[in-house]
Amino acid sequence: MDIAPPRNPANAGEPTFRDAVDADVPALLALIQSAYRGESSRRGWTTEADFLDGGRIDAAGVRAIIHGADSRLIAVERDGRIVACCQLEHRGEAAYFGLFAVDPGLQAAGLGRRVLAEAERTARESWGVRGMQMTVISVREELIAWYERRGYRRTGELSPFPYEEETAGLPLRDDLAFELLVKELH
């Protein structure tokens, strides 16, 4: 299902939202890596470079989300270029929100807020869910505060960081864990 509105020259520069396809995988990998890891991620404020190195996800992981029966990977384009993305996964009465990336050069300009709002709307309309869930690395206080300003609530429920999984990246600290954040959707 394509969720992007028809392309209109009058809204050039405006983001469009659509389901990702296999042809998007290279651009999505580059975007995700640039938003989270390495020196390019330091241009934005969502970097994990101080506590994780290596890749954020591989091509097989991206394809698994694209083709998952209960998941969607939303690609956000501006002027024909993918500039943001997020994962939605249907989990009963809630949707899981993850793999959220915004081009570091476009961060702090409102695009992330728009993507999150569109993800919430899409989850509500597509699956009729009543809530959103996500996990955030617990040491990411600034990012958690950003989600709290958008109505997400910390649960205090922690799950261990998968130190043994190569696809999780190369941890630079030994105190990483994921915290569950939730939001009721209306």
C-alpha atoms as a PDB file:
ATOM      1  CA  MET A   1       0.000   0.000   0.000  1.00  0.00           C
ATOM      2  CA  ASP A   2       1.427   3.355  -1.036  1.00  0.00           C
ATOM      3  CA  ILE A   3       0.691   6.091   1.491  1.00  0.00           C
ATOM      4  CA  ALA A   4       2.322   8.949  -0.413  1.00  0.00           C
ATOM      5  CA  PRO A   5       0.063  11.594  -1.880  1.00  0.00           C
ATOM      6  CA  PRO A   6       0.379  12.244  -5.615  1.00  0.00           C
ATOM      7  CA  ARG A   7       3.452  14.330  -6.480  1.00  0.00           C
ATOM      8  CA  ASN A   8       2.499  17.930  -6.972  1.00  0.00           C
ATOM      9  CA  PRO A   9       4.970  20.575  -8.210  1.00  0.00           C
ATOM     10  CA  ALA A  10       3.256  23.097  -5.927  1.00  0.00           C
ATOM     11  CA  ASN A  11       4.517  21.206  -2.877  1.00  0.00           C
ATOM     12  CA  ALA A  12       8.102  20.697  -4.090  1.00  0.00           C
ATOM     13  CA  GLY A  13      10.347  20.333  -1.098  1.00  0.00           C
ATOM     14  CA  GLU A  14       7.534  18.946   1.037  1.00  0.00           C
ATOM     15  CA  PRO A  15       8.122  15.428   2.336  1.00  0.00           C
ATOM     16  CA  THR A  16       6.133  12.543   0.912  1.00  0.00           C
ATOM     17  CA  PHE A  17       5.554   9.292   2.778  1.00  0.00           C
ATOM     18  CA  ARG A  18       5.423   5.844   1.190  1.00  0.00           C
ATOM     19  CA  ASP A  19       6.191   2.219   1.922  1.00  0.00           C
ATOM     20  CA  ALA A  20       9.814   1.334   1.195  1.00  0.00           C
ATOM     21  CA  VAL A  21      10.652  -1.184  -1.538  1.00  0.00           C
ATOM     22  CA  ASP A  22      13.715  -3.324  -2.228  1.00  0.00           C
ATOM     23  CA  ALA A  23      15.183  -0.698  -4.576  1.00  0.00           C
ATOM     24  CA  ASP A  24      15.342   1.690  -1.577  1.00  0.00           C
ATOM     25  CA  VAL A  25      17.611  -0.549   0.526  1.00  0.00           C
ATOM     26  CA  PRO A  26      20.969   1.091  -0.407  1.00  0.00           C
ATOM     27  CA  ALA A  27      19.630   4.605   0.225  1.00  0.00           C
ATOM     28  CA  LEU A  28      17.964   3.503   3.482  1.00  0.00           C
ATOM     29  CA  LEU A  29      21.168   1.870   4.747  1.00  0.00           C
ATOM     30  CA  ALA A  30      23.167   5.026   3.994  1.00  0.00           C
ATOM     31  CA  LEU A  31      20.553   7.212   5.708  1.00  0.00           C
ATOM     32  CA  ILE A  32      20.317   5.026   8.816  1.00  0.00           C
ATOM     33  CA  GLN A  33      24.084   4.758   9.171  1.00  0.00           C
ATOM     34  CA  SER A  34      24.538   8.517   8.718  1.00  0.00           C
ATOM     35  CA  ALA A  35      21.906   9.300  11.361  1.00  0.00           C
ATOM     36  CA  TYR A  36      23.268   6.984  14.049  1.00  0.00           C
ATOM     37  CA  ARG A  37      26.895   6.043  13.593  1.00  0.00           C
ATOM     38  CA  GLY A  38      30.214   7.465  12.486  1.00  0.00           C
ATOM     39  CA  GLU A  39      31.361  11.034  12.013  1.00  0.00           C
ATOM     40  CA  SER A  40      28.480  11.987   9.704  1.00  0.00           C
ATOM     41  CA  SER A  41      26.024  11.294  12.530  1.00  0.00           C
ATOM     42  CA  ARG A  42      27.648  14.017  14.630  1.00  0.00           C
ATOM     43  CA  ARG A  43      26.112  16.661  12.308  1.00  0.00           C
ATOM     44  CA  GLY A  44      22.761  15.841  13.893  1.00  0.00           C
ATOM     45  CA  TRP A  45      21.749  15.403  17.501  1.00  0.00           C
ATOM     46  CA  THR A  46      20.595  11.751  17.388  1.00  0.00           C
ATOM     47  CA  THR A  47      24.051  10.205  17.112  1.00  0.00           C
ATOM     48  CA  GLU A  48      24.962   7.000  18.919  1.00  0.00           C
ATOM     49  CA  ALA A  49      28.632   7.412  17.932  1.00  0.00           C
ATOM     50  CA  ASP A  50      29.781   8.001  21.523  1.00  0.00           C
ATOM     51  CA  PHE A  51      28.624   4.585  22.697  1.00  0.00           C
ATOM     52  CA  LEU A  52      28.206   2.422  19.574  1.00  0.00           C
ATOM     53  CA  ASP A  53      30.365   1.913  16.510  1.00  0.00           C
ATOM     54  CA  GLY A  54      29.875  -0.223  13.415  1.00  0.00           C
ATOM     55  CA  GLY A  55      26.676  -0.708  11.441  1.00  0.00           C
ATOM     56  CA  ARG A  56      23.180   0.004  12.735  1.00  0.00           C
ATOM     57  CA  ILE A  57      21.442  -2.598  10.523  1.00  0.00           C
ATOM     58  CA  ASP A  58      22.339  -4.617   7.444  1.00  0.00           C
ATOM     59  CA  ALA A  59      20.574  -5.023   4.084  1.00  0.00           C
ATOM     60  CA  ALA A  60      18.974  -8.312   5.135  1.00  0.00           C
ATOM     61  CA  GLY A  61      17.506  -6.631   8.214  1.00  0.00           C
ATOM     62  CA  VAL A  62      16.028  -3.801   6.156  1.00  0.00           C
ATOM     63  CA  ARG A  63      14.537  -6.253   3.647  1.00  0.00           C
ATOM     64  CA  ALA A  64      13.042  -8.316   6.482  1.00  0.00           C
ATOM     65  CA  ILE A  65      11.153  -5.252   7.696  1.00  0.00           C
ATOM     66  CA  ILE A  66      10.016  -4.331   4.177  1.00  0.00           C
ATOM     67  CA  HIS A  67       8.646  -7.850   3.581  1.00  0.00           C
ATOM     68  CA  GLY A  68       7.412  -8.632   7.098  1.00  0.00           C
ATOM     69  CA  ALA A  69       3.763  -9.663   7.277  1.00  0.00           C
ATOM     70  CA  ASP A  70       3.044  -7.325  10.200  1.00  0.00           C
ATOM     71  CA  SER A  71       5.565  -4.595   9.484  1.00  0.00           C
ATOM     72  CA  ARG A  72       6.111  -1.576   7.290  1.00  0.00           C
ATOM     73  CA  LEU A  73       9.151   0.509   6.598  1.00  0.00           C
ATOM     74  CA  ILE A  74       8.072   4.022   5.730  1.00  0.00           C
ATOM     75  CA  ALA A  75      10.389   5.988   3.450  1.00  0.00           C
ATOM     76  CA  VAL A  76      10.162   9.758   3.527  1.00  0.00           C
ATOM     77  CA  GLU A  77      11.246  11.558   0.378  1.00  0.00           C
ATOM     78  CA  ARG A  78      11.927  15.183  -0.345  1.00  0.00           C
ATOM     79  CA  ASP A  79      12.678  16.212  -3.919  1.00  0.00           C
ATOM     80  CA  GLY A  80      13.160  12.565  -4.942  1.00  0.00           C
ATOM     81  CA  ARG A  81      15.674  11.724  -2.185  1.00  0.00           C
ATOM     82  CA  ILE A  82      14.994   9.574   0.897  1.00  0.00           C
ATOM     83  CA  VAL A  83      15.592  11.877   3.878  1.00  0.00           C
ATOM     84  CA  ALA A  84      13.937   9.937   6.715  1.00  0.00           C
ATOM     85  CA  CYS A  85      12.444   6.564   7.550  1.00  0.00           C
ATOM     86  CA  CYS A  86      10.767   4.616  10.316  1.00  0.00           C
ATOM     87  CA  GLN A  87       9.600   1.102  11.022  1.00  0.00           C
ATOM     88  CA  LEU A  88       6.091   0.204  12.152  1.00  0.00           C
ATOM     89  CA  GLU A  89       5.237  -3.272  13.405  1.00  0.00           C
ATOM     90  CA  HIS A  90       1.737  -4.415  14.360  1.00  0.00           C
ATOM     91  CA  ARG A  91       1.741  -5.975  17.851  1.00  0.00           C
ATOM     92  CA  GLY A  92      -1.851  -6.608  18.831  1.00  0.00           C
ATOM     93  CA  GLU A  93      -3.404  -3.454  20.279  1.00  0.00           C
ATOM     94  CA  ALA A  94      -0.162  -1.497  19.862  1.00  0.00           C
ATOM     95  CA  ALA A  95       2.302  -0.730  17.121  1.00  0.00           C
ATOM     96  CA  TYR A  96       6.062  -0.787  17.582  1.00  0.00           C
ATOM     97  CA  PHE A  97       7.928   2.259  16.258  1.00  0.00           C
ATOM     98  CA  GLY A  98      11.594   1.849  15.427  1.00  0.00           C
ATOM     99  CA  LEU A  99      14.457   2.317  12.991  1.00  0.00           C
ATOM    100  CA  PHE A 100      13.689   6.033  13.015  1.00  0.00           C
ATOM    101  CA  ALA A 101      16.256   8.028  11.064  1.00  0.00           C
ATOM    102  CA  VAL A 102      16.368  11.584   9.774  1.00  0.00           C
ATOM    103  CA  ASP A 103      19.176  12.928   7.603  1.00  0.00           C
ATOM    104  CA  PRO A 104      21.563  14.638  10.085  1.00  0.00           C
ATOM    105  CA  GLY A 105      21.575  17.821   7.999  1.00  0.00           C
ATOM    106  CA  LEU A 106      17.783  18.070   8.334  1.00  0.00           C
ATOM    107  CA  GLN A 107      17.506  17.319  12.051  1.00  0.00           C
ATOM    108  CA  ALA A 108      16.137  19.937  14.456  1.00  0.00           C
ATOM    109  CA  ALA A 109      13.943  21.469  11.741  1.00  0.00           C
ATOM    110  CA  GLY A 110      10.630  19.699  12.470  1.00  0.00           C
ATOM    111  CA  LEU A 111      10.901  16.802  10.018  1.00  0.00           C
ATOM    112  CA  GLY A 112      11.237  14.208  12.795  1.00  0.00           C
ATOM    113  CA  ARG A 113       8.067  15.481  14.468  1.00  0.00           C
ATOM    114  CA  ARG A 114       6.210  15.156  11.165  1.00  0.00           C
ATOM    115  CA  VAL A 115       7.487  11.610  10.614  1.00  0.00           C
ATOM    116  CA  LEU A 116       6.482  10.539  14.126  1.00  0.00           C
ATOM    117  CA  ALA A 117       3.007  12.070  13.749  1.00  0.00           C
ATOM    118  CA  GLU A 118       2.555  10.363  10.357  1.00  0.00           C
ATOM    119  CA  ALA A 119       3.681   7.034  11.833  1.00  0.00           C
ATOM    120  CA  GLU A 120       1.139   7.349  14.642  1.00  0.00           C
ATOM    121  CA  ARG A 121      -1.632   8.241  12.176  1.00  0.00           C
ATOM    122  CA  THR A 122      -0.664   5.387   9.850  1.00  0.00           C
ATOM    123  CA  ALA A 123      -0.599   2.825  12.682  1.00  0.00           C
ATOM    124  CA  ARG A 124      -3.996   3.977  13.956  1.00  0.00           C
ATOM    125  CA  GLU A 125      -5.618   3.958  10.518  1.00  0.00           C
ATOM    126  CA  SER A 126      -3.945   0.800   9.162  1.00  0.00           C
ATOM    127  CA  TRP A 127      -4.255  -1.444  12.201  1.00  0.00           C
ATOM    128  CA  GLY A 128      -6.664   0.304  14.570  1.00  0.00           C
ATOM    129  CA  VAL A 129      -4.076   0.204  17.350  1.00  0.00           C
ATOM    130  CA  ARG A 130      -4.599   2.050  20.609  1.00  0.00           C
ATOM    131  CA  GLY A 131      -0.970   2.682  21.432  1.00  0.00           C
ATOM    132  CA  MET A 132       2.599   2.983  20.246  1.00  0.00           C
ATOM    133  CA  GLN A 133       5.635   1.359  21.805  1.00  0.00           C
ATOM    134  CA  MET A 134       9.325   1.847  21.216  1.00  0.00           C
ATOM    135  CA  THR A 135      12.598   0.997  22.845  1.00  0.00           C
ATOM    136  CA  VAL A 136      15.339   3.582  23.271  1.00  0.00           C
ATOM    137  CA  ILE A 137      18.846   3.033  24.591  1.00  0.00           C
ATOM    138  CA  SER A 138      18.481   4.144  28.203  1.00  0.00           C
ATOM    139  CA  VAL A 139      21.568   6.399  28.200  1.00  0.00           C
ATOM    140  CA  ARG A 140      19.999   8.572  25.470  1.00  0.00           C
ATOM    141  CA  GLU A 141      18.443  11.048  27.899  1.00  0.00           C
ATOM    142  CA  GLU A 142      18.096  13.892  25.345  1.00  0.00           C
ATOM    143  CA  LEU A 143      16.308  11.618  22.866  1.00  0.00           C
ATOM    144  CA  ILE A 144      14.031  10.178  25.561  1.00  0.00           C
ATOM    145  CA  ALA A 145      13.147  13.744  26.615  1.00  0.00           C
ATOM    146  CA  TRP A 146      12.249  14.543  22.970  1.00  0.00           C
ATOM    147  CA  TYR A 147       9.828  11.588  22.913  1.00  0.00           C
ATOM    148  CA  GLU A 148       8.377  12.605  26.282  1.00  0.00           C
ATOM    149  CA  ARG A 149       7.581  16.055  24.855  1.00  0.00           C
ATOM    150  CA  ARG A 150       5.586  14.219  22.180  1.00  0.00           C
ATOM    151  CA  GLY A 151       3.493  12.293  24.697  1.00  0.00           C
ATOM    152  CA  TYR A 152       5.577   9.152  25.235  1.00  0.00           C
ATOM    153  CA  ARG A 153       5.979   7.841  28.761  1.00  0.00           C
ATOM    154  CA  ARG A 154       8.947   6.039  30.246  1.00  0.00           C
ATOM    155  CA  THR A 155       7.953   2.689  31.719  1.00  0.00           C
ATOM    156  CA  GLY A 156      11.170   1.856  33.553  1.00  0.00           C
ATOM    157  CA  GLU A 157      10.989  -1.541  31.829  1.00  0.00           C
ATOM    158  CA  LEU A 158      14.495  -2.385  30.635  1.00  0.00           C
ATOM    159  CA  SER A 159      15.693  -5.107  28.293  1.00  0.00           C
ATOM    160  CA  PRO A 160      19.329  -6.033  27.831  1.00  0.00           C
ATOM    161  CA  PHE A 161      21.393  -4.696  24.952  1.00  0.00           C
ATOM    162  CA  PRO A 162      22.295  -7.581  22.563  1.00  0.00           C
ATOM    163  CA  TYR A 163      26.076  -7.336  23.040  1.00  0.00           C
ATOM    164  CA  GLU A 164      26.604 -10.691  21.327  1.00  0.00           C
ATOM    165  CA  GLU A 165      24.801  -9.747  18.088  1.00  0.00           C
ATOM    166  CA  GLU A 166      27.099  -8.338  15.420  1.00  0.00           C
ATOM    167  CA  THR A 167      24.215  -6.562  13.675  1.00  0.00           C
ATOM    168  CA  ALA A 168      23.600  -4.459  16.817  1.00  0.00           C
ATOM    169  CA  GLY A 169      26.882  -2.609  16.336  1.00  0.00           C
ATOM    170  CA  LEU A 170      30.067  -2.509  18.349  1.00  0.00           C
ATOM    171  CA  PRO A 171      29.345  -1.273  21.887  1.00  0.00           C
ATOM    172  CA  LEU A 172      31.819   1.194  23.365  1.00  0.00           C
ATOM    173  CA  ARG A 173      30.248   0.949  26.855  1.00  0.00           C
ATOM    174  CA  ASP A 174      29.143  -1.925  29.050  1.00  0.00           C
ATOM    175  CA  ASP A 175      26.063  -0.247  30.582  1.00  0.00           C
ATOM    176  CA  LEU A 176      23.684  -0.217  27.603  1.00  0.00           C
ATOM    177  CA  ALA A 177      20.064  -1.343  27.892  1.00  0.00           C
ATOM    178  CA  PHE A 178      16.797  -0.556  26.121  1.00  0.00           C
ATOM    179  CA  GLU A 179      13.940   1.198  27.891  1.00  0.00           C
ATOM    180  CA  LEU A 180      10.348   0.740  26.763  1.00  0.00           C
ATOM    181  CA  LEU A 181       8.456   3.970  26.017  1.00  0.00           C
ATOM    182  CA  VAL A 182       4.702   3.955  25.379  1.00  0.00           C
ATOM    183  CA  LYS A 183       2.027   6.356  24.180  1.00  0.00           C
ATOM    184  CA  GLU A 184      -1.728   6.005  24.092  1.00  0.00           C
ATOM    185  CA  LEU A 185      -3.149   6.935  20.698  1.00  0.00           C
ATOM    186  CA  HIS A 186      -6.506   8.680  20.431  1.00  0.00           C
END
